[in-house]
C-alpha atoms as a PDB file:
ATOM      1  CA  MET A   1     -19.923  -3.800  -9.628  1.00  0.00           C
ATOM      2  CA  ALA A   2     -16.019  -3.060  -9.228  1.00  0.00           C
ATOM      3  CA  LYS A   3     -13.780  -5.457 -12.067  1.00  0.00           C
ATOM      4  CA  ALA A   4     -11.526  -7.609 -10.203  1.00  0.00           C
ATOM      5  CA  LYS A   5      -8.182  -6.672 -11.930  1.00  0.00           C
ATOM      6  CA  THR A   6      -5.534  -8.778 -12.410  1.00  0.00           C
ATOM      7  CA  ASP A   7      -2.764  -6.063 -12.590  1.00  0.00           C
ATOM      8  CA  ASP A   8       0.472  -7.787 -11.499  1.00  0.00           C
ATOM      9  CA  THR A   9       2.351  -4.421 -10.854  1.00  0.00           C
ATOM     10  CA  ALA A  10       0.418  -4.181  -7.428  1.00  0.00           C
ATOM     11  CA  ALA A  11       1.482  -7.630  -6.487  1.00  0.00           C
ATOM     12  CA  GLY A  12       5.361  -6.951  -7.009  1.00  0.00           C
ATOM     13  CA  GLY A  13       5.656  -7.532 -11.222  1.00  0.00           C
ATOM     14  CA  ALA A  14       6.987  -3.963 -11.876  1.00  0.00           C
ATOM     15  CA  ALA A  15      10.828  -3.171 -11.574  1.00  0.00           C
ATOM     16  CA  GLY A  16      11.691  -1.737  -8.600  1.00  0.00           C
ATOM     17  CA  ALA A  17      10.881   2.268  -7.335  1.00  0.00           C
ATOM     18  CA  THR A  18      13.039   4.918  -7.349  1.00  0.00           C
ATOM     19  CA  ASP A  19      11.122   6.808  -5.364  1.00  0.00           C
ATOM     20  CA  ALA A  20      12.165   5.816  -1.351  1.00  0.00           C
ATOM     21  CA  ALA A  21       8.892   6.573  -0.370  1.00  0.00           C
ATOM     22  CA  GLN A  22       7.194   4.216  -3.102  1.00  0.00           C
ATOM     23  CA  PRO A  23       7.247   0.387  -2.054  1.00  0.00           C
ATOM     24  CA  GLU A  24       9.547  -1.386  -4.332  1.00  0.00           C
ATOM     25  CA  GLY A  25       7.618  -3.100  -6.916  1.00  0.00           C
ATOM     26  CA  SER A  26       4.166  -1.024  -7.152  1.00  0.00           C
ATOM     27  CA  THR A  27       3.278   1.318  -9.278  1.00  0.00           C
ATOM     28  CA  LEU A  28       0.050   1.878  -7.406  1.00  0.00           C
ATOM     29  CA  GLY A  29      -0.311   5.154  -5.074  1.00  0.00           C
ATOM     30  CA  TYR A  30      -1.579   4.427  -1.483  1.00  0.00           C
ATOM     31  CA  GLU A  31      -4.745   6.510  -2.032  1.00  0.00           C
ATOM     32  CA  GLN A  32      -5.517   5.191  -5.435  1.00  0.00           C
ATOM     33  CA  ALA A  33      -4.934   1.139  -3.663  1.00  0.00           C
ATOM     34  CA  ARG A  34      -7.415   2.432  -0.924  1.00  0.00           C
ATOM     35  CA  ASP A  35      -9.875   3.537  -3.066  1.00  0.00           C
ATOM     36  CA  GLU A  36      -9.599   0.583  -5.160  1.00  0.00           C
ATOM     37  CA  LEU A  37      -9.580  -1.651  -1.408  1.00  0.00           C
ATOM     38  CA  ILE A  38     -12.761   0.050  -0.830  1.00  0.00           C
ATOM     39  CA  GLU A  39     -14.875  -0.931  -4.428  1.00  0.00           C
ATOM     40  CA  VAL A  40     -13.903  -3.892  -4.054  1.00  0.00           C
ATOM     41  CA  VAL A  41     -15.333  -4.572  -0.240  1.00  0.00           C
ATOM     42  CA  ARG A  42     -18.674  -2.825  -1.105  1.00  0.00           C
ATOM     43  CA  SER A  43     -18.800  -5.368  -4.227  1.00  0.00           C
ATOM     44  CA  LEU A  44     -18.283  -8.249  -2.126  1.00  0.00           C
ATOM     45  CA  GLU A  45     -20.456  -7.136   0.614  1.00  0.00           C
ATOM     46  CA  ALA A  46     -22.983  -6.276  -2.177  1.00  0.00           C
ATOM     47  CA  GLY A  47     -23.163 -10.243  -3.252  1.00  0.00           C
ATOM     48  CA  GLY A  48     -24.812 -10.954  -6.163  1.00  0.00           C
ATOM     49  CA  THR A  49     -21.248 -12.690  -7.834  1.00  0.00           C
ATOM     50  CA  THR A  50     -20.257 -15.898  -8.047  1.00  0.00           C
ATOM     51  CA  LEU A  51     -17.700 -17.771  -6.337  1.00  0.00           C
ATOM     52  CA  GLU A  52     -15.375 -17.580  -8.811  1.00  0.00           C
ATOM     53  CA  GLU A  53     -15.919 -13.646  -9.045  1.00  0.00           C
ATOM     54  CA  SER A  54     -16.042 -13.113  -5.181  1.00  0.00           C
ATOM     55  CA  LEU A  55     -12.516 -15.068  -5.072  1.00  0.00           C
ATOM     56  CA  ALA A  56     -11.089 -13.127  -7.584  1.00  0.00           C
ATOM     57  CA  LEU A  57     -11.975  -9.553  -5.745  1.00  0.00           C
ATOM     58  CA  TRP A  58     -10.649 -11.555  -2.603  1.00  0.00           C
ATOM     59  CA  GLU A  59      -7.510 -11.996  -3.955  1.00  0.00           C
ATOM     60  CA  ARG A  60      -7.313  -8.353  -5.708  1.00  0.00           C
ATOM     61  CA  GLY A  61      -8.473  -6.891  -1.832  1.00  0.00           C
ATOM     62  CA  GLU A  62      -5.486  -8.987  -0.240  1.00  0.00           C
ATOM     63  CA  GLU A  63      -2.979  -7.465  -2.737  1.00  0.00           C
ATOM     64  CA  LEU A  64      -4.166  -4.257  -2.454  1.00  0.00           C
ATOM     65  CA  ALA A  65      -4.021  -4.684   1.464  1.00  0.00           C
ATOM     66  CA  LYS A  66      -0.461  -5.226   1.135  1.00  0.00           C
ATOM     67  CA  VAL A  67       0.384  -1.928  -1.376  1.00  0.00           C
ATOM     68  CA  CYS A  68      -1.582   0.074   1.559  1.00  0.00           C
ATOM     69  CA  ARG A  69       0.257  -1.443   4.551  1.00  0.00           C
ATOM     70  CA  ARG A  70       3.641  -1.280   2.131  1.00  0.00           C
ATOM     71  CA  TRP A  71       2.981   2.598   1.908  1.00  0.00           C
ATOM     72  CA  LEU A  72       2.131   3.120   5.554  1.00  0.00           C
ATOM     73  CA  ASP A  73       5.270   0.323   6.674  1.00  0.00           C
ATOM     74  CA  GLY A  74       7.489   3.343   4.480  1.00  0.00           C
ATOM     75  CA  ALA A  75       6.312   6.036   5.914  1.00  0.00           C
ATOM     76  CA  ARG A  76       6.334   5.171   9.414  1.00  0.00           C
ATOM     77  CA  ALA A  77       9.913   4.178   8.466  1.00  0.00           C
ATOM     78  CA  ARG A  78      10.584   7.791   7.044  1.00  0.00           C
ATOM     79  CA  LEU A  79       8.966   9.413  10.147  1.00  0.00           C
ATOM     80  CA  ASP A  80      11.264   7.370  12.426  1.00  0.00           C
ATOM     81  CA  ALA A  81      13.931   8.185  10.604  1.00  0.00           C
ATOM     82  CA  ALA A  82      13.552  11.746  10.508  1.00  0.00           C
ATOM     83  CA  LEU A  83      12.600  11.871  14.556  1.00  0.00           C
ATOM     84  CA  ALA A  84      15.820   9.782  15.123  1.00  0.00           C
ATOM     85  CA  GLU A  85      17.644  12.912  13.088  1.00  0.00           C
ATOM     86  CA  GLU A  86      15.800  15.736  15.021  1.00  0.00           C
ATOM     87  CA  ASP A  87      16.623  13.950  18.498  1.00  0.00           C
ATOM     88  CA  GLU A  88      20.862  13.343  17.425  1.00  0.00           C
ATOM     89  CA  ALA A  89      20.635  16.773  16.585  1.00  0.00           C
ATOM     90  CA  GLU A  90      19.388  17.935  19.744  1.00  0.00           C
ATOM     91  CA  ALA A  91      21.814  15.866  21.652  1.00  0.00           C
ATOM     92  CA  GLU A  92      24.630  17.182  19.874  1.00  0.00           C
ATOM     93  CA  ALA A  93      23.410  20.766  20.681  1.00  0.00           C
ATOM     94  CA  ALA A  94      22.782  19.829  23.911  1.00  0.00           C
ATOM     95  CA  ALA A  95      26.646  18.573  23.955  1.00  0.00           C
ATOM     96  CA  GLU A  96      27.983  21.859  23.311  1.00  0.00           C
END
Protein backbone atom coordinates (compact mmCIF):
# COMPACT_ATOMS: atom_id res chain seq x y z
CA MET A 1 0.00 0.00 0.00
CA ALA A 2 1.28 3.46 -0.87
CA LYS A 3 1.92 5.73 2.05
CA ALA A 4 0.03 9.01 2.02
CA LYS A 5 2.52 11.83 1.74
CA THR A 6 2.06 15.26 3.17
CA ASP A 7 4.68 16.93 1.00
CA ASP A 8 3.71 20.61 0.93
CA THR A 9 5.83 21.30 -2.13
CA ALA A 10 3.28 19.70 -4.45
CA ALA A 11 0.60 21.92 -2.94
CA GLY A 12 2.52 25.09 -3.69
CA GLY A 13 4.73 25.34 -0.62
CA ALA A 14 8.01 25.75 -2.51
CA ALA A 15 9.38 28.95 -3.97
CA GLY A 16 8.49 29.79 -7.57
CA ALA A 17 10.06 27.65 -10.25
CA THR A 18 12.70 29.12 -12.48
CA ASP A 19 12.03 26.78 -15.41
CA ALA A 20 9.16 28.10 -17.52
CA ALA A 21 7.88 24.57 -18.16
CA GLN A 22 7.67 23.68 -14.49
CA PRO A 23 4.44 24.67 -12.75
CA GLU A 24 5.05 27.33 -10.15
CA GLY A 25 5.40 25.89 -6.65
CA SER A 26 5.91 22.31 -7.81
CA THR A 27 9.07 20.32 -7.31
CA LEU A 28 7.50 17.15 -8.70
CA GLY A 29 7.88 16.37 -12.35
CA TYR A 30 4.84 15.30 -14.33
CA GLU A 31 5.88 11.65 -14.46
CA GLN A 32 6.62 11.56 -10.72
CA ALA A 33 3.25 13.05 -9.86
CA ARG A 34 1.44 10.76 -12.30
CA ASP A 35 3.16 7.63 -10.99
CA GLU A 36 2.44 8.53 -7.37
CA LEU A 37 -1.17 9.32 -8.29
CA ILE A 38 -1.50 5.86 -9.85
CA GLU A 39 -0.25 4.30 -6.61
CA VAL A 40 -2.68 6.38 -4.55
CA VAL A 41 -5.58 5.25 -6.74
CA ARG A 42 -4.46 1.61 -6.50
CA SER A 43 -4.31 1.89 -2.71
CA LEU A 44 -7.76 3.40 -2.53
CA GLU A 45 -9.20 0.79 -4.88
CA ALA A 46 -7.60 -2.06 -2.92
CA GLY A 47 -9.34 -0.92 0.26
CA GLY A 48 -8.26 -2.17 3.64
CA THR A 49 -7.45 1.29 4.94
CA THR A 50 -9.08 3.20 7.72
CA LEU A 51 -11.33 6.14 6.94
CA GLU A 52 -8.59 8.52 8.06
CA GLU A 53 -6.00 6.82 5.85
CA SER A 54 -8.40 6.84 2.91
CA LEU A 55 -9.08 10.55 3.36
CA ALA A 56 -5.35 11.28 3.52
CA LEU A 57 -4.79 9.26 0.34
CA TRP A 58 -7.67 11.02 -1.40
CA GLU A 59 -6.32 14.45 -0.41
CA ARG A 60 -2.86 13.51 -1.67
CA GLY A 61 -4.41 12.28 -4.90
CA GLU A 62 -6.19 15.60 -5.37
CA GLU A 63 -2.91 17.49 -4.93
CA LEU A 64 -1.11 15.18 -7.35
CA ALA A 65 -3.88 15.62 -9.91
CA LYS A 66 -3.46 19.40 -9.62
CA VAL A 67 0.29 19.08 -10.21
CA CYS A 68 -0.37 16.97 -13.32
CA ARG A 69 -2.98 19.45 -14.58
CA ARG A 70 -0.56 22.38 -14.13
CA TRP A 71 2.12 20.51 -16.11
CA LEU A 72 -0.33 19.69 -18.89
CA ASP A 73 -1.69 23.24 -18.97
CA GLY A 74 1.87 24.58 -19.17
CA ALA A 75 2.72 22.21 -22.00
CA ARG A 76 -0.44 23.26 -23.88
CA ALA A 77 0.46 26.95 -23.44
CA ARG A 78 3.97 26.33 -24.79
CA LEU A 79 2.60 24.44 -27.79
CA ASP A 80 0.05 27.16 -28.50
CA ALA A 81 2.76 29.83 -28.31
CA ALA A 82 5.06 27.89 -30.64
CA LEU A 83 2.24 27.35 -33.14
CA ALA A 84 1.30 31.04 -33.00
CA GLU A 85 4.92 32.03 -33.70
CA GLU A 86 5.02 29.61 -36.61
CA ASP A 87 1.78 31.04 -38.01
CA GLU A 88 3.14 34.60 -37.71
CA ALA A 89 6.36 33.64 -39.50
CA GLU A 90 4.40 31.99 -42.31
CA ALA A 91 2.11 35.03 -42.62
CA GLU A 92 5.12 37.38 -42.81
CA ALA A 93 6.79 35.18 -45.42
CA ALA A 94 3.62 35.08 -47.50
CA ALA A 95 3.29 38.89 -47.32
CA GLU A 96 6.75 39.42 -48.82
